[in-house]
């Protein structure tokens, strides 16, 4: 297992981060605990969660249950100090939490108290804002993205207000560092600039979707993260299962994410299957497992990356963990680049 710097902090996180969003719906508490045990045994030191989890489906009744699963593991094992714990603050429009209130200093302190209570811990290593108050082009919104309705002064006032609150939480010892999620290059740059101007907590990480099928990060965000020392926590590096080989146009395993969410959050498109086949053929050509190739590929990127992956079975988890032993040759990388050129942005 390789370990990479978390932004400009003193923390180093494993190249694979254990995602938890199925714990409480697709997975039981016991299964979640077994996944944590196996992941840590293989060198993973980071668990990512969110107050809105679990998903598949998201419901008012289950909000916060995934954090409770992790908290029960901490309480049972006493191994809190072995984990870099990352969780997220839901924001504007998520009606199941705080009636969809936007992120602000008015609610962040109570929100963190709720996170800490469910997680049964005194501190959070990485506290992330799940999406910007002003909206985001993530989750297929890039196709019709229109920032013309944004108010710059309101955005900057929100950043200042939130950073000041985050500084107080750091001073209280309740969070150590903070990160963003589903952000843009311009937005991230404003957070970095404001934190440096004020001496407040600096953005350590960016959690955006990134995989061989979703490469929006490769241009402006890549440049920003290299120059500003922001670590990418890549979510959906297996494209919600599309890069595992278990799906095709006519195949949907029972109990899988696609069985619960037919279009995989807008990722199933008429063009995606040709792209999936192209990457599967590359894996076959080089004698590789497709999911291991997809995860190992994240390690080759020119910006610092830790890939957040999820599993619903221990066998899936074992396969993902095995990707740390896979080294992709120049020929494999060239084949992947050629496939990307033929199948850009398939969803």
Protein backbone atom coordinates (compact mmCIF):
# COMPACT_ATOMS: atom_id res chain seq x y z
CA UNK A 1 0.00 0.00 0.00
CA UNK A 2 1.29 3.43 -0.96
CA UNK A 3 0.57 6.48 1.21
CA UNK A 4 0.15 9.98 -0.16
CA UNK A 5 0.08 13.43 1.47
CA UNK A 6 -3.31 14.86 2.38
CA UNK A 7 -2.85 18.35 0.99
CA UNK A 8 -0.45 20.41 3.08
CA UNK A 9 -1.39 18.62 6.31
CA UNK A 10 0.87 16.31 8.28
CA UNK A 11 -1.33 13.31 7.39
CA UNK A 12 -0.58 10.63 4.82
CA UNK A 13 -3.52 8.62 3.54
CA UNK A 14 -3.55 5.26 1.84
CA UNK A 15 -3.88 5.20 -1.95
CA UNK A 16 -7.19 3.41 -1.43
CA UNK A 17 -9.83 4.84 0.89
CA UNK A 18 -12.69 2.67 2.11
CA UNK A 19 -16.09 4.05 1.11
CA UNK A 20 -19.03 3.29 3.37
CA UNK A 21 -22.20 4.50 1.69
CA UNK A 22 -23.86 1.07 1.48
CA UNK A 23 -23.58 0.34 5.20
CA UNK A 24 -27.09 0.46 6.55
CA UNK A 25 -28.99 -0.44 3.37
CA UNK A 26 -27.16 -2.91 1.13
CA UNK A 27 -24.88 -3.95 3.99
CA UNK A 28 -25.57 -4.76 7.63
CA UNK A 29 -23.61 -3.35 10.54
CA UNK A 30 -21.72 -6.64 10.88
CA UNK A 31 -20.79 -6.58 7.20
CA UNK A 32 -19.59 -3.00 7.48
CA UNK A 33 -17.41 -3.93 10.44
CA UNK A 34 -15.97 -6.90 8.56
CA UNK A 35 -15.06 -4.60 5.68
CA UNK A 36 -13.26 -2.20 8.02
CA UNK A 37 -11.33 -5.08 9.59
CA UNK A 38 -10.20 -6.44 6.22
CA UNK A 39 -9.32 -3.03 4.80
CA UNK A 40 -7.18 -2.06 7.79
CA UNK A 41 -5.47 -5.45 7.73
CA UNK A 42 -4.38 -4.63 4.16
CA UNK A 43 -3.02 -1.18 4.98
CA UNK A 44 -6.00 1.06 4.30
CA UNK A 45 -6.01 3.86 6.88
CA UNK A 46 -8.87 6.08 5.65
CA UNK A 47 -12.66 5.65 5.87
CA UNK A 48 -14.95 8.06 4.05
CA UNK A 49 -18.56 8.63 5.03
CA UNK A 50 -21.22 11.35 5.13
CA UNK A 51 -24.12 12.38 7.32
CA UNK A 52 -26.57 11.65 4.46
CA UNK A 53 -25.43 8.01 4.05
CA UNK A 54 -26.46 5.26 3.43
CA UNK A 55 -27.64 5.39 -0.15
CA UNK A 56 -29.51 2.90 -2.36
CA UNK A 57 -31.91 4.28 -1.38
CA UNK A 58 -31.45 7.56 0.47
CA UNK A 59 -34.31 8.08 2.91
CA UNK A 60 -35.22 10.25 5.85
CA UNK A 61 -35.35 7.13 8.02
CA UNK A 62 -31.77 6.05 7.30
CA UNK A 63 -29.89 9.38 7.23
CA UNK A 64 -26.90 9.11 9.57
CA UNK A 65 -27.02 5.33 9.88
CA UNK A 66 -23.67 4.78 8.15
CA UNK A 67 -21.91 7.07 10.62
CA UNK A 68 -23.52 5.01 13.40
CA UNK A 69 -22.08 1.80 11.91
CA UNK A 70 -18.60 3.31 12.02
CA UNK A 71 -19.15 4.68 15.51
CA UNK A 72 -20.13 1.25 16.78
CA UNK A 73 -16.92 -0.17 15.28
CA UNK A 74 -14.84 2.47 17.08
CA UNK A 75 -16.65 1.75 20.34
CA UNK A 76 -16.29 -2.01 20.00
CA UNK A 77 -12.65 -2.12 18.91
CA UNK A 78 -11.07 0.96 20.46
CA UNK A 79 -9.09 1.46 17.23
CA UNK A 80 -10.07 5.06 16.51
CA UNK A 81 -6.41 6.17 16.34
CA UNK A 82 -5.74 3.79 13.42
CA UNK A 83 -8.20 5.55 11.11
CA UNK A 84 -8.15 8.83 9.22
CA UNK A 85 -11.86 9.56 9.41
CA UNK A 86 -13.50 11.68 6.72
CA UNK A 87 -17.15 12.70 6.79
CA UNK A 88 -19.29 15.34 5.07
CA UNK A 89 -21.73 18.12 5.84
CA UNK A 90 -24.82 18.02 3.59
CA UNK A 91 -25.84 21.29 2.02
CA UNK A 92 -28.54 23.23 0.28
CA UNK A 93 -31.40 21.28 -1.24
CA UNK A 94 -31.05 18.03 0.70
CA UNK A 95 -34.47 18.07 2.31
CA UNK A 96 -33.88 15.10 4.62
CA UNK A 97 -31.35 17.09 6.68
CA UNK A 98 -32.15 20.49 8.24
CA UNK A 99 -34.92 20.99 5.64
CA UNK A 100 -32.31 21.60 2.95
CA UNK A 101 -30.64 24.56 4.66
CA UNK A 102 -27.45 25.84 3.01
CA UNK A 103 -24.11 25.39 4.77
CA UNK A 104 -23.35 28.30 7.12
CA UNK A 105 -21.84 29.13 10.49
CA UNK A 106 -25.39 29.13 11.92
CA UNK A 107 -25.72 25.37 11.54
CA UNK A 108 -22.23 23.96 11.23
CA UNK A 109 -21.54 23.68 14.96
CA UNK A 110 -24.70 21.65 15.67
CA UNK A 111 -24.05 19.61 12.53
CA UNK A 112 -20.57 18.64 13.71
CA UNK A 113 -21.96 17.70 17.12
CA UNK A 114 -24.35 15.32 15.36
CA UNK A 115 -21.51 13.81 13.33
CA UNK A 116 -19.40 13.29 16.45
CA UNK A 117 -22.27 11.72 18.40
CA UNK A 118 -23.09 9.21 15.67
CA UNK A 119 -19.43 8.42 15.04
CA UNK A 120 -18.72 8.03 18.78
CA UNK A 121 -15.54 10.06 18.55
CA UNK A 122 -14.21 13.36 19.86
CA UNK A 123 -12.74 14.54 16.57
CA UNK A 124 -13.00 14.24 12.79
CA UNK A 125 -9.78 14.13 10.80
CA UNK A 126 -11.21 15.52 7.56
CA UNK A 127 -14.46 17.46 7.53
CA UNK A 128 -15.82 17.93 4.02
CA UNK A 129 -18.52 20.15 2.54
CA UNK A 130 -20.55 17.77 0.39
CA UNK A 131 -21.37 20.26 -2.39
CA UNK A 132 -21.26 24.04 -2.87
CA UNK A 133 -24.18 26.20 -1.80
CA UNK A 134 -24.17 27.81 -5.24
CA UNK A 135 -24.56 24.47 -7.03
CA UNK A 136 -22.21 22.21 -8.97
CA UNK A 137 -21.64 20.81 -12.45
CA UNK A 138 -21.02 17.33 -11.02
CA UNK A 139 -23.46 14.42 -11.41
CA UNK A 140 -24.05 15.00 -15.15
CA UNK A 141 -25.04 18.65 -14.66
CA UNK A 142 -22.00 19.62 -16.75
CA UNK A 143 -24.06 19.12 -19.92
CA UNK A 144 -26.18 22.17 -19.19
CA UNK A 145 -24.07 24.00 -16.60
CA UNK A 146 -24.87 27.71 -16.35
CA UNK A 147 -23.06 29.79 -13.68
CA UNK A 148 -24.54 33.09 -14.88
CA UNK A 149 -27.00 33.21 -12.00
CA UNK A 150 -24.30 33.05 -9.33
CA UNK A 151 -23.63 35.98 -7.03
CA UNK A 152 -19.89 36.34 -6.46
CA UNK A 153 -20.16 38.55 -3.40
CA UNK A 154 -22.56 36.09 -1.73
CA UNK A 155 -20.23 33.20 -2.51
CA UNK A 156 -17.22 34.98 -1.04
CA UNK A 157 -19.18 36.02 2.05
CA UNK A 158 -20.26 32.37 2.51
CA UNK A 159 -16.65 31.17 2.21
CA UNK A 160 -15.46 33.71 4.77
CA UNK A 161 -18.30 32.85 7.16
CA UNK A 162 -17.71 29.11 6.88
CA UNK A 163 -13.92 29.27 7.18
CA UNK A 164 -14.19 31.34 10.34
CA UNK A 165 -16.51 28.70 11.81
CA UNK A 166 -14.18 25.91 10.73
CA UNK A 167 -11.30 27.68 12.48
CA UNK A 168 -13.31 27.68 15.71
CA UNK A 169 -13.98 23.95 15.30
CA UNK A 170 -10.26 23.35 14.78
CA UNK A 171 -9.48 25.41 17.89
CA UNK A 172 -11.98 23.30 19.82
CA UNK A 173 -10.28 20.11 18.63
CA UNK A 174 -13.44 18.80 16.97
CA UNK A 175 -12.04 18.74 13.44
CA UNK A 176 -8.42 18.58 12.29
CA UNK A 177 -8.63 19.52 8.61
CA UNK A 178 -11.25 20.30 6.00
CA UNK A 179 -11.93 19.43 2.39
CA UNK A 180 -14.36 20.18 -0.39
CA UNK A 181 -16.46 17.96 -2.62
CA UNK A 182 -18.14 18.41 -6.00
CA UNK A 183 -16.35 21.75 -6.44
CA UNK A 184 -14.97 23.61 -9.44
CA UNK A 185 -11.54 25.10 -10.06
CA UNK A 186 -12.79 28.66 -9.52
CA UNK A 187 -14.59 27.73 -6.32
CA UNK A 188 -11.63 25.85 -4.89
CA UNK A 189 -9.29 28.73 -5.72
CA UNK A 190 -11.51 31.11 -3.71
CA UNK A 191 -11.41 28.82 -0.66
CA UNK A 192 -7.62 28.55 -0.92
CA UNK A 193 -7.15 32.32 -1.35
CA UNK A 194 -9.46 33.22 1.53
CA UNK A 195 -7.85 30.72 3.91
CA UNK A 196 -4.37 32.00 3.11
CA UNK A 197 -5.42 35.64 3.44
CA UNK A 198 -7.03 35.03 6.84
CA UNK A 199 -4.79 32.29 8.20
CA UNK A 200 -7.78 29.96 8.52
CA UNK A 201 -7.99 26.21 7.69
CA UNK A 202 -6.74 25.47 4.19
CA UNK A 203 -8.42 23.11 1.74
CA UNK A 204 -6.66 19.77 2.09
CA UNK A 205 -8.62 17.70 -0.40
CA UNK A 206 -11.20 17.63 -3.16
CA UNK A 207 -13.67 14.78 -3.41
CA UNK A 208 -14.94 14.71 -6.99
CA UNK A 209 -15.98 11.87 -9.26
CA UNK A 210 -13.07 10.47 -11.23
CA UNK A 211 -12.59 7.28 -13.22
CA UNK A 212 -11.58 6.10 -16.68
CA UNK A 213 -15.17 6.89 -17.70
CA UNK A 214 -15.40 10.28 -15.99
CA UNK A 215 -12.37 12.51 -16.53
CA UNK A 216 -13.66 16.05 -16.01
CA UNK A 217 -10.91 16.47 -13.42
CA UNK A 218 -8.09 16.14 -15.96
CA UNK A 219 -7.83 19.79 -16.98
CA UNK A 220 -8.52 22.83 -14.76
CA UNK A 221 -8.97 20.86 -11.53
CA UNK A 222 -5.81 18.87 -12.19
CA UNK A 223 -3.82 22.06 -12.66
CA UNK A 224 -5.24 23.61 -9.52
CA UNK A 225 -4.54 20.57 -7.37
CA UNK A 226 -0.96 20.26 -8.57
CA UNK A 227 -0.16 23.92 -7.97
CA UNK A 228 -2.10 24.35 -4.73
CA UNK A 229 -1.31 21.00 -3.05
CA UNK A 230 -4.88 19.74 -2.92
CA UNK A 231 -5.30 15.95 -2.87
CA UNK A 232 -8.01 14.35 -5.00
CA UNK A 233 -10.18 11.86 -3.16
CA UNK A 234 -11.63 10.23 -6.26
CA UNK A 235 -15.12 8.89 -5.73
CA UNK A 236 -16.67 6.25 -8.00
CA UNK A 237 -13.29 5.16 -9.45
CA UNK A 238 -15.10 2.02 -10.65
CA UNK A 239 -17.90 4.12 -12.14
CA UNK A 240 -20.52 2.67 -9.76
CA UNK A 241 -19.69 -0.85 -10.94
CA UNK A 242 -19.50 -0.21 -14.69
CA UNK A 243 -15.75 -0.84 -14.55
CA UNK A 244 -16.06 -4.15 -12.72
CA UNK A 245 -17.32 -6.16 -15.70
CA UNK A 246 -20.50 -7.25 -13.94
CA UNK A 247 -22.84 -5.14 -16.09
CA UNK A 248 -23.67 -4.97 -19.77
CA UNK A 249 -26.74 -3.84 -21.70
CA UNK A 250 -28.62 -6.99 -20.74
CA UNK A 251 -27.01 -8.06 -17.44
CA UNK A 252 -27.87 -6.66 -14.02
CA UNK A 253 -26.99 -8.92 -11.07
CA UNK A 254 -29.67 -9.27 -8.44
CA UNK A 255 -29.07 -7.00 -5.44
CA UNK A 256 -26.51 -4.88 -7.31
CA UNK A 257 -26.53 -1.10 -7.32
CA UNK A 258 -27.99 -1.06 -10.83
CA UNK A 259 -30.83 -3.31 -9.68
CA UNK A 260 -31.70 -0.56 -7.19
CA UNK A 261 -30.82 2.41 -9.38
CA UNK A 262 -31.38 1.48 -13.00
CA UNK A 263 -29.43 4.24 -14.72
CA UNK A 264 -26.73 4.43 -12.02
CA UNK A 265 -27.36 8.10 -11.43
CA UNK A 266 -27.35 8.98 -15.11
CA UNK A 267 -24.20 7.00 -15.93
CA UNK A 268 -25.95 4.43 -18.13
CA UNK A 269 -26.15 6.00 -21.57
CA UNK A 270 -26.26 4.67 -25.15
CA UNK A 271 -22.52 5.34 -25.46
CA UNK A 272 -21.29 3.94 -22.18
CA UNK A 273 -21.33 0.27 -23.15
CA UNK A 274 -18.84 0.69 -26.01
CA UNK A 275 -16.51 2.47 -23.60
CA UNK A 276 -16.91 -0.23 -20.95
CA UNK A 277 -16.16 -2.91 -23.55
CA UNK A 278 -13.07 -1.01 -24.72
CA UNK A 279 -11.59 -0.94 -21.22
CA UNK A 280 -12.57 -4.57 -20.63
CA UNK A 281 -10.73 -5.56 -23.81
CA UNK A 282 -7.61 -3.73 -22.61
CA UNK A 283 -7.71 -5.61 -19.31
CA UNK A 284 -8.15 -8.93 -21.13
CA UNK A 285 -5.35 -8.13 -23.59
CA UNK A 286 -2.89 -7.54 -20.76
CA UNK A 287 -4.13 -10.28 -18.45
CA UNK A 288 -5.51 -7.85 -15.88
CA UNK A 289 -8.63 -7.69 -13.76
CA UNK A 290 -10.74 -4.76 -15.01
CA UNK A 291 -11.55 -3.34 -11.55
CA UNK A 292 -7.93 -3.70 -10.45
CA UNK A 293 -6.76 -1.98 -13.62
CA UNK A 294 -9.24 0.86 -13.04
CA UNK A 295 -8.05 1.40 -9.47
CA UNK A 296 -4.36 1.05 -10.32
CA UNK A 297 -4.83 3.62 -13.10
CA UNK A 298 -5.78 6.25 -10.49
CA UNK A 299 -2.29 5.85 -9.04
CA UNK A 300 -0.72 6.89 -12.36
CA UNK A 301 -2.31 10.33 -12.53
CA UNK A 302 -0.13 13.48 -12.46
CA UNK A 303 -1.93 14.84 -9.38
CA UNK A 304 -2.01 13.30 -5.90
CA UNK A 305 -4.89 10.86 -5.65
CA UNK A 306 -6.50 8.46 -3.21
CA UNK A 307 -9.34 6.42 -4.70
CA UNK A 308 -12.47 5.92 -2.60
CA UNK A 309 -13.99 2.56 -3.42
CA UNK A 310 -16.96 0.71 -2.02
CA UNK A 311 -17.86 -2.95 -1.82
CA UNK A 312 -20.93 -4.91 -0.85
CA UNK A 313 -19.10 -8.23 -0.38
CA UNK A 314 -15.76 -9.19 1.12
CA UNK A 315 -14.82 -10.84 -2.17
CA UNK A 316 -15.29 -7.51 -3.96
CA UNK A 317 -13.26 -5.82 -1.24
CA UNK A 318 -10.46 -8.36 -1.59
CA UNK A 319 -10.32 -7.75 -5.36
CA UNK A 320 -10.11 -3.99 -4.88
CA UNK A 321 -7.37 -4.28 -2.26
CA UNK A 322 -5.37 -6.44 -4.66
CA UNK A 323 -5.06 -3.48 -7.03
CA UNK A 324 -2.22 -2.11 -4.92
CA UNK A 325 -0.03 -4.92 -6.26
CA UNK A 326 -0.84 -4.10 -9.90
CA UNK A 327 1.66 -2.01 -11.87
CA UNK A 328 0.42 -0.76 -15.22
CA UNK A 329 2.95 -0.81 -18.04
CA UNK A 330 3.46 2.05 -20.49
CA UNK A 331 1.65 -0.07 -23.08
CA UNK A 332 -1.40 -0.43 -20.84
CA UNK A 333 -1.46 3.31 -20.16
CA UNK A 334 -1.18 4.01 -23.89
CA UNK A 335 -4.09 1.67 -24.61
CA UNK A 336 -6.20 3.36 -21.92
CA UNK A 337 -5.40 6.80 -23.35
CA UNK A 338 -6.37 5.63 -26.83
CA UNK A 339 -9.67 4.24 -25.54
CA UNK A 340 -10.37 7.52 -23.79
CA UNK A 341 -9.74 9.40 -27.03
CA UNK A 342 -12.23 7.14 -28.83
CA UNK A 343 -14.82 7.26 -26.04
CA UNK A 344 -14.60 10.64 -24.28
CA UNK A 345 -17.22 11.51 -21.68
CA UNK A 346 -19.53 8.55 -22.32
CA UNK A 347 -22.04 9.85 -19.76
